[in-house]
Amino acid sequence: MKGTLEDLWHGNVSPQTDSRNNTPEMKQLMEYMARHHDDLLKSMNEEQKDIFERFDDCWSEYASLAEEAIFVYAFRLGAQMMLDVLSKPACPQD
């Protein structure tokens, strides 16, 4: 555990970047999204591009907040599971 905590402190563990695009399906989806994003921008006038950019910024901020909330929830859930494991005897006493 000490090694993991030290890695986290020194920035060697970065859940927000290490967990993204880590499957072939996710990489393919990101490629599709980028292509569709570019195609959509090409079809827009300047006012539409401005509105879309603001929407895109809001969506990115929302996604970041959601990822943070999921990370915190999952970390707490894992810690709670460890507390449960460590606080109960391996073999119940009869």
Protein backbone atom coordinates (compact mmCIF):
# COMPACT_ATOMS: atom_id res chain seq x y z
CA MET A 1 0.00 0.00 0.00
CA LYS A 2 2.82 2.40 0.81
CA GLY A 3 4.13 2.07 -2.75
CA THR A 4 0.74 2.88 -4.27
CA LEU A 5 0.25 5.90 -2.03
CA GLU A 6 3.72 7.17 -2.88
CA ASP A 7 3.01 6.67 -6.58
CA LEU A 8 -0.25 8.61 -6.22
CA TRP A 9 1.53 11.43 -4.35
CA HIS A 10 4.28 11.69 -6.97
CA GLY A 11 1.81 11.65 -9.84
CA ASN A 12 2.79 8.22 -11.13
CA VAL A 13 -0.82 7.04 -10.76
CA SER A 14 -3.34 9.14 -12.63
CA PRO A 15 -6.78 7.53 -12.68
CA GLN A 16 -8.31 10.28 -14.82
CA THR A 17 -5.89 9.60 -17.68
CA ASP A 18 -4.91 5.98 -17.10
CA SER A 19 -8.50 4.73 -17.31
CA ARG A 20 -9.55 6.50 -20.50
CA ASN A 21 -9.49 4.85 -23.91
CA ASN A 22 -8.12 1.66 -22.49
CA THR A 23 -10.21 -0.74 -24.56
CA PRO A 24 -10.35 -1.17 -28.33
CA GLU A 25 -14.09 -0.43 -28.23
CA MET A 26 -13.51 2.85 -26.42
CA LYS A 27 -10.73 3.86 -28.82
CA GLN A 28 -12.96 3.11 -31.80
CA LEU A 29 -15.82 5.07 -30.28
CA MET A 30 -13.54 8.06 -29.68
CA GLU A 31 -12.43 7.93 -33.32
CA TYR A 32 -16.08 7.90 -34.47
CA MET A 33 -16.91 10.78 -32.16
CA ALA A 34 -13.98 12.86 -33.41
CA ARG A 35 -14.92 12.21 -37.04
CA HIS A 36 -18.58 13.11 -36.45
CA HIS A 37 -17.54 16.18 -34.46
CA ASP A 38 -15.40 17.39 -37.37
CA ASP A 39 -18.14 16.65 -39.92
CA LEU A 40 -20.68 18.54 -37.82
CA LEU A 41 -18.42 21.58 -37.51
CA LYS A 42 -17.90 21.65 -41.29
CA SER A 43 -21.66 21.89 -41.82
CA MET A 44 -22.19 24.82 -39.41
CA ASN A 45 -22.13 28.55 -39.82
CA GLU A 46 -20.17 30.71 -37.35
CA GLU A 47 -23.10 31.32 -35.00
CA GLN A 48 -23.88 27.60 -34.85
CA LYS A 49 -20.22 26.83 -34.23
CA ASP A 50 -20.19 29.26 -31.30
CA ILE A 51 -23.29 27.66 -29.77
CA PHE A 52 -21.88 24.19 -30.32
CA GLU A 53 -18.55 25.17 -28.76
CA ARG A 54 -20.35 26.42 -25.64
CA PHE A 55 -22.36 23.19 -25.50
CA ASP A 56 -19.17 21.17 -25.95
CA ASP A 57 -17.46 23.08 -23.11
CA CYS A 58 -20.44 22.48 -20.80
CA TRP A 59 -20.51 18.79 -21.72
CA SER A 60 -16.79 18.44 -21.01
CA GLU A 61 -17.17 20.10 -17.62
CA TYR A 62 -20.16 17.88 -16.78
CA ALA A 63 -18.29 14.73 -17.85
CA SER A 64 -15.31 15.73 -15.71
CA LEU A 65 -17.52 16.28 -12.66
CA ALA A 66 -19.32 12.98 -13.27
CA GLU A 67 -16.02 11.10 -13.60
CA GLU A 68 -14.82 12.65 -10.34
CA ALA A 69 -18.03 11.66 -8.54
CA ILE A 70 -17.78 8.10 -9.86
CA PHE A 71 -14.13 7.87 -8.81
CA VAL A 72 -14.90 9.11 -5.30
CA TYR A 73 -17.88 6.76 -4.96
CA ALA A 74 -15.91 3.75 -6.22
CA PHE A 75 -12.95 4.53 -3.97
CA ARG A 76 -15.20 4.84 -0.92
CA LEU A 77 -17.04 1.66 -1.84
CA GLY A 78 -13.73 -0.21 -2.15
CA ALA A 79 -12.54 1.19 1.18
CA GLN A 80 -15.82 0.20 2.82
CA MET A 81 -15.48 -3.33 1.45
CA MET A 82 -11.96 -3.54 2.88
CA LEU A 83 -13.21 -2.34 6.26
CA ASP A 84 -15.91 -5.01 6.16
CA VAL A 85 -13.38 -7.68 5.25
CA LEU A 86 -10.91 -6.63 7.93
CA SER A 87 -13.48 -6.18 10.69
CA LYS A 88 -15.13 -9.60 10.45
CA PRO A 89 -13.55 -12.94 11.34
CA ALA A 90 -12.74 -15.23 8.44
CA CYS A 91 -14.59 -18.13 10.05
CA PRO A 92 -17.73 -17.28 12.00
CA GLN A 93 -17.71 -18.50 15.57
CA ASP A 94 -20.50 -20.97 16.39
